[in-house]
Amino acid sequence: MKTKSSFLVFLISGLIIGVILLTIFLPPFQIDNTQTFAKLPFYNALLNGLSFLSLLLAYYFVKKGKIKEHIYFIFTALFFTTLFLFSYLLYHFTNKPTPFGGGGAIKVFYLILLGTHIILAAMMLPLILFTLKEAFEKNYTKHKKIARWTLPIWLYVSLTGVLVYLLNRPYY
């Protein structure tokens, strides 16, 4: 069972990362109304922010020993993150990438922020799935050990997703 569930985590992670990579290499789908998905970057940032807040609440409740509330807010964060992923894919399958228009130090800051965001976002998915797997298998010691890495990375990716949007907003 454990080997099978680990394989599923890698399979799901690989498939989703593969689909995300397709948005980079495939040209956007042509749609009649170019404004149809124009507001999605705003909603993506909103979903990232809601995920960030849900994670903070989940952490607060687990520290208070309120496990039901912790589980509720973890799944709330997972819900927002999943909605974000679908919205992100929809936007990037239908729109060309938006180049950052700033220059100088702010562009360097933006590119470093974006780079770390992308790298950690790719790591985040398998970490989330492995953390959940250990909880579902009632291996709480391992769950806590992995969650110590998952939570800060998930928080960072959610927060930097909002910051990347705010920095790039004038150029959409």
C-alpha atoms as a PDB file:
ATOM      1  CA  MET A   1       0.000   0.000   0.000  1.00  0.00           C
ATOM      2  CA  LYS A   2       2.735   2.488   0.963  1.00  0.00           C
ATOM      3  CA  THR A   3       4.718   1.835  -2.223  1.00  0.00           C
ATOM      4  CA  LYS A   4       1.543   2.182  -4.293  1.00  0.00           C
ATOM      5  CA  SER A   5       0.583   5.479  -2.638  1.00  0.00           C
ATOM      6  CA  SER A   6       4.120   6.859  -3.049  1.00  0.00           C
ATOM      7  CA  PHE A   7       4.018   5.937  -6.729  1.00  0.00           C
ATOM      8  CA  LEU A   8       0.669   7.773  -7.054  1.00  0.00           C
ATOM      9  CA  VAL A   9       2.155  10.879  -5.427  1.00  0.00           C
ATOM     10  CA  PHE A  10       5.020  10.883  -7.930  1.00  0.00           C
ATOM     11  CA  LEU A  11       2.676  10.139 -10.839  1.00  0.00           C
ATOM     12  CA  ILE A  12       0.209  12.916  -9.967  1.00  0.00           C
ATOM     13  CA  SER A  13       3.039  15.379  -9.299  1.00  0.00           C
ATOM     14  CA  GLY A  14       4.779  14.505 -12.559  1.00  0.00           C
ATOM     15  CA  LEU A  15       1.592  14.808 -14.600  1.00  0.00           C
ATOM     16  CA  ILE A  16       0.674  18.191 -13.147  1.00  0.00           C
ATOM     17  CA  ILE A  17       4.199  19.573 -13.518  1.00  0.00           C
ATOM     18  CA  GLY A  18       4.201  18.238 -17.097  1.00  0.00           C
ATOM     19  CA  VAL A  19       0.943  20.049 -17.883  1.00  0.00           C
ATOM     20  CA  ILE A  20       2.354  23.256 -16.389  1.00  0.00           C
ATOM     21  CA  LEU A  21       5.455  22.908 -18.575  1.00  0.00           C
ATOM     22  CA  LEU A  22       3.211  22.564 -21.625  1.00  0.00           C
ATOM     23  CA  THR A  23       1.953  26.104 -20.981  1.00  0.00           C
ATOM     24  CA  ILE A  24       5.522  27.287 -21.550  1.00  0.00           C
ATOM     25  CA  PHE A  25       6.157  25.436 -24.794  1.00  0.00           C
ATOM     26  CA  LEU A  26       2.755  25.430 -26.492  1.00  0.00           C
ATOM     27  CA  PRO A  27       1.337  28.568 -28.075  1.00  0.00           C
ATOM     28  CA  PRO A  28      -1.828  29.826 -26.357  1.00  0.00           C
ATOM     29  CA  PHE A  29      -5.143  28.524 -27.643  1.00  0.00           C
ATOM     30  CA  GLN A  30      -6.905  31.027 -29.840  1.00  0.00           C
ATOM     31  CA  ILE A  31     -10.197  32.194 -28.375  1.00  0.00           C
ATOM     32  CA  ASP A  32     -12.696  34.618 -29.873  1.00  0.00           C
ATOM     33  CA  ASN A  33     -12.948  36.930 -26.886  1.00  0.00           C
ATOM     34  CA  THR A  34      -9.472  37.828 -25.631  1.00  0.00           C
ATOM     35  CA  GLN A  35     -10.951  39.458 -22.513  1.00  0.00           C
ATOM     36  CA  THR A  36     -12.608  36.214 -21.340  1.00  0.00           C
ATOM     37  CA  PHE A  37      -9.765  35.253 -19.005  1.00  0.00           C
ATOM     38  CA  ALA A  38      -8.104  38.649 -18.561  1.00  0.00           C
ATOM     39  CA  LYS A  39      -9.077  38.918 -14.876  1.00  0.00           C
ATOM     40  CA  LEU A  40      -7.669  35.507 -13.933  1.00  0.00           C
ATOM     41  CA  PRO A  41      -4.295  36.849 -12.687  1.00  0.00           C
ATOM     42  CA  PHE A  42      -6.191  38.881 -10.067  1.00  0.00           C
ATOM     43  CA  TYR A  43      -8.185  35.818  -9.004  1.00  0.00           C
ATOM     44  CA  ASN A  44      -4.998  33.741  -8.953  1.00  0.00           C
ATOM     45  CA  ALA A  45      -3.451  36.231  -6.525  1.00  0.00           C
ATOM     46  CA  LEU A  46      -6.627  36.207  -4.442  1.00  0.00           C
ATOM     47  CA  LEU A  47      -6.603  32.403  -4.284  1.00  0.00           C
ATOM     48  CA  ASN A  48      -2.920  32.439  -3.292  1.00  0.00           C
ATOM     49  CA  GLY A  49      -3.694  34.939  -0.534  1.00  0.00           C
ATOM     50  CA  LEU A  50      -6.607  32.851   0.747  1.00  0.00           C
ATOM     51  CA  SER A  51      -4.398  29.774   0.724  1.00  0.00           C
ATOM     52  CA  PHE A  52      -1.750  31.671   2.713  1.00  0.00           C
ATOM     53  CA  LEU A  53      -4.301  32.758   5.341  1.00  0.00           C
ATOM     54  CA  SER A  54      -5.775  29.249   5.562  1.00  0.00           C
ATOM     55  CA  LEU A  55      -2.300  27.797   6.139  1.00  0.00           C
ATOM     56  CA  LEU A  56      -1.612  30.285   8.926  1.00  0.00           C
ATOM     57  CA  LEU A  57      -4.881  29.284  10.597  1.00  0.00           C
ATOM     58  CA  ALA A  58      -4.101  25.591  10.155  1.00  0.00           C
ATOM     59  CA  TYR A  59      -0.723  26.126  11.809  1.00  0.00           C
ATOM     60  CA  TYR A  60      -2.296  28.126  14.644  1.00  0.00           C
ATOM     61  CA  PHE A  61      -4.834  25.385  15.351  1.00  0.00           C
ATOM     62  CA  VAL A  62      -2.343  22.520  15.248  1.00  0.00           C
ATOM     63  CA  LYS A  63      -0.177  24.404  17.747  1.00  0.00           C
ATOM     64  CA  LYS A  64      -3.262  24.750  19.992  1.00  0.00           C
ATOM     65  CA  GLY A  65      -3.926  21.005  19.669  1.00  0.00           C
ATOM     66  CA  LYS A  66      -7.201  21.580  17.800  1.00  0.00           C
ATOM     67  CA  ILE A  67      -6.754  18.895  15.182  1.00  0.00           C
ATOM     68  CA  LYS A  68     -10.255  19.095  13.616  1.00  0.00           C
ATOM     69  CA  GLU A  69      -9.794  22.806  12.951  1.00  0.00           C
ATOM     70  CA  HIS A  70      -6.259  22.142  11.676  1.00  0.00           C
ATOM     71  CA  ILE A  71      -7.588  19.572   9.210  1.00  0.00           C
ATOM     72  CA  TYR A  72     -10.387  21.921   8.116  1.00  0.00           C
ATOM     73  CA  PHE A  73      -7.975  24.751   7.306  1.00  0.00           C
ATOM     74  CA  ILE A  74      -5.438  22.462   5.624  1.00  0.00           C
ATOM     75  CA  PHE A  75      -8.164  21.239   3.297  1.00  0.00           C
ATOM     76  CA  THR A  76      -9.346  24.818   2.810  1.00  0.00           C
ATOM     77  CA  ALA A  77      -5.802  25.786   1.780  1.00  0.00           C
ATOM     78  CA  LEU A  78      -5.648  22.745  -0.486  1.00  0.00           C
ATOM     79  CA  PHE A  79      -8.984  23.762  -2.045  1.00  0.00           C
ATOM     80  CA  PHE A  80      -7.749  27.302  -2.749  1.00  0.00           C
ATOM     81  CA  THR A  81      -4.435  26.008  -4.082  1.00  0.00           C
ATOM     82  CA  THR A  82      -6.231  23.543  -6.376  1.00  0.00           C
ATOM     83  CA  LEU A  83      -8.546  26.286  -7.671  1.00  0.00           C
ATOM     84  CA  PHE A  84      -5.465  28.432  -8.231  1.00  0.00           C
ATOM     85  CA  LEU A  85      -3.801  25.658 -10.231  1.00  0.00           C
ATOM     86  CA  PHE A  86      -6.816  25.251 -12.541  1.00  0.00           C
ATOM     87  CA  SER A  87      -7.163  29.016 -12.951  1.00  0.00           C
ATOM     88  CA  TYR A  88      -3.421  29.390 -13.601  1.00  0.00           C
ATOM     89  CA  LEU A  89      -3.494  26.674 -16.257  1.00  0.00           C
ATOM     90  CA  LEU A  90      -6.595  28.149 -17.897  1.00  0.00           C
ATOM     91  CA  TYR A  91      -4.975  31.575 -18.070  1.00  0.00           C
ATOM     92  CA  HIS A  92      -1.627  30.324 -19.380  1.00  0.00           C
ATOM     93  CA  PHE A  93      -3.192  28.008 -21.959  1.00  0.00           C
ATOM     94  CA  THR A  94      -5.127  30.964 -23.391  1.00  0.00           C
ATOM     95  CA  ASN A  95      -2.727  33.912 -22.987  1.00  0.00           C
ATOM     96  CA  LYS A  96       0.847  34.730 -23.909  1.00  0.00           C
ATOM     97  CA  PRO A  97       3.210  35.231 -20.969  1.00  0.00           C
ATOM     98  CA  THR A  98       3.237  38.786 -19.642  1.00  0.00           C
ATOM     99  CA  PRO A  99       6.776  40.160 -19.658  1.00  0.00           C
ATOM    100  CA  PHE A 100       7.812  42.259 -16.681  1.00  0.00           C
ATOM    101  CA  GLY A 101       8.049  45.883 -17.771  1.00  0.00           C
ATOM    102  CA  GLY A 102      10.130  47.288 -14.946  1.00  0.00           C
ATOM    103  CA  GLY A 103      13.860  47.752 -14.998  1.00  0.00           C
ATOM    104  CA  GLY A 104      16.896  48.109 -12.778  1.00  0.00           C
ATOM    105  CA  ALA A 105      16.907  46.829  -9.197  1.00  0.00           C
ATOM    106  CA  ILE A 106      13.158  46.168  -9.165  1.00  0.00           C
ATOM    107  CA  LYS A 107      13.525  43.845 -12.167  1.00  0.00           C
ATOM    108  CA  VAL A 108      16.355  41.950 -10.443  1.00  0.00           C
ATOM    109  CA  PHE A 109      14.200  41.653  -7.305  1.00  0.00           C
ATOM    110  CA  TYR A 110      11.223  40.502  -9.396  1.00  0.00           C
ATOM    111  CA  LEU A 111      13.238  37.879 -11.271  1.00  0.00           C
ATOM    112  CA  ILE A 112      14.746  36.479  -8.053  1.00  0.00           C
ATOM    113  CA  LEU A 113      11.302  36.398  -6.449  1.00  0.00           C
ATOM    114  CA  LEU A 114       9.778  34.744  -9.515  1.00  0.00           C
ATOM    115  CA  GLY A 115      12.624  32.240  -9.828  1.00  0.00           C
ATOM    116  CA  THR A 116      12.412  31.095  -6.213  1.00  0.00           C
ATOM    117  CA  HIS A 117       8.620  31.032  -6.479  1.00  0.00           C
ATOM    118  CA  ILE A 118       8.715  28.739  -9.519  1.00  0.00           C
ATOM    119  CA  ILE A 119      11.354  26.378  -8.135  1.00  0.00           C
ATOM    120  CA  LEU A 120       9.627  26.014  -4.776  1.00  0.00           C
ATOM    121  CA  ALA A 121       6.185  25.693  -6.405  1.00  0.00           C
ATOM    122  CA  ALA A 122       7.461  22.661  -8.331  1.00  0.00           C
ATOM    123  CA  MET A 123       8.751  21.139  -5.075  1.00  0.00           C
ATOM    124  CA  MET A 124       5.584  22.042  -3.186  1.00  0.00           C
ATOM    125  CA  LEU A 125       3.169  19.709  -4.952  1.00  0.00           C
ATOM    126  CA  PRO A 126       4.887  16.419  -4.081  1.00  0.00           C
ATOM    127  CA  LEU A 127       5.579  17.712  -0.567  1.00  0.00           C
ATOM    128  CA  ILE A 128       1.892  18.483  -0.015  1.00  0.00           C
ATOM    129  CA  LEU A 129       0.859  15.100  -1.376  1.00  0.00           C
ATOM    130  CA  PHE A 130       3.426  13.207   0.729  1.00  0.00           C
ATOM    131  CA  THR A 131       2.406  15.153   3.831  1.00  0.00           C
ATOM    132  CA  LEU A 132      -1.247  14.253   3.229  1.00  0.00           C
ATOM    133  CA  LYS A 133      -0.342  10.646   2.445  1.00  0.00           C
ATOM    134  CA  GLU A 134       1.400  10.237   5.793  1.00  0.00           C
ATOM    135  CA  ALA A 135      -1.575  11.759   7.621  1.00  0.00           C
ATOM    136  CA  PHE A 136      -4.052   9.475   5.813  1.00  0.00           C
ATOM    137  CA  GLU A 137      -1.852   6.468   6.640  1.00  0.00           C
ATOM    138  CA  LYS A 138      -1.834   7.656  10.291  1.00  0.00           C
ATOM    139  CA  ASN A 139       1.942   7.905  10.317  1.00  0.00           C
ATOM    140  CA  TYR A 140       1.854  11.147  12.306  1.00  0.00           C
ATOM    141  CA  THR A 141       5.544  11.197  13.228  1.00  0.00           C
ATOM    142  CA  LYS A 142       6.534  11.161   9.557  1.00  0.00           C
ATOM    143  CA  HIS A 143       3.653  13.535   8.743  1.00  0.00           C
ATOM    144  CA  LYS A 144       5.001  16.128  11.201  1.00  0.00           C
ATOM    145  CA  LYS A 145       8.543  15.672   9.911  1.00  0.00           C
ATOM    146  CA  ILE A 146       7.528  16.349   6.299  1.00  0.00           C
ATOM    147  CA  ALA A 147       5.094  19.127   7.302  1.00  0.00           C
ATOM    148  CA  ARG A 148       8.007  21.060   8.828  1.00  0.00           C
ATOM    149  CA  TRP A 149       9.271  21.484   5.261  1.00  0.00           C
ATOM    150  CA  THR A 150       5.925  21.618   3.480  1.00  0.00           C
ATOM    151  CA  LEU A 151       4.357  24.436   5.484  1.00  0.00           C
ATOM    152  CA  PRO A 152       7.073  27.086   5.047  1.00  0.00           C
ATOM    153  CA  ILE A 153       7.462  26.268   1.353  1.00  0.00           C
ATOM    154  CA  TRP A 154       3.685  26.366   0.789  1.00  0.00           C
ATOM    155  CA  LEU A 155       3.443  29.655   2.709  1.00  0.00           C
ATOM    156  CA  TYR A 156       6.334  31.134   0.710  1.00  0.00           C
ATOM    157  CA  VAL A 157       4.876  30.067  -2.633  1.00  0.00           C
ATOM    158  CA  SER A 158       1.430  31.413  -1.722  1.00  0.00           C
ATOM    159  CA  LEU A 159       2.778  34.743  -0.501  1.00  0.00           C
ATOM    160  CA  THR A 160       5.221  35.224  -3.372  1.00  0.00           C
ATOM    161  CA  GLY A 161       2.411  34.385  -5.815  1.00  0.00           C
ATOM    162  CA  VAL A 162       0.590  37.459  -4.528  1.00  0.00           C
ATOM    163  CA  LEU A 163       3.768  39.565  -4.678  1.00  0.00           C
ATOM    164  CA  VAL A 164       4.577  38.444  -8.235  1.00  0.00           C
ATOM    165  CA  TYR A 165       1.056  39.476  -9.276  1.00  0.00           C
ATOM    166  CA  LEU A 166       1.323  42.868  -7.562  1.00  0.00           C
ATOM    167  CA  LEU A 167       4.699  43.584  -9.166  1.00  0.00           C
ATOM    168  CA  ASN A 168       3.522  42.484 -12.611  1.00  0.00           C
ATOM    169  CA  ARG A 169      -0.009  43.944 -12.434  1.00  0.00           C
ATOM    170  CA  PRO A 170       0.743  47.143 -14.352  1.00  0.00           C
ATOM    171  CA  TYR A 171       1.884  45.065 -17.351  1.00  0.00           C
ATOM    172  CA  TYR A 172      -1.177  42.800 -17.811  1.00  0.00           C
END
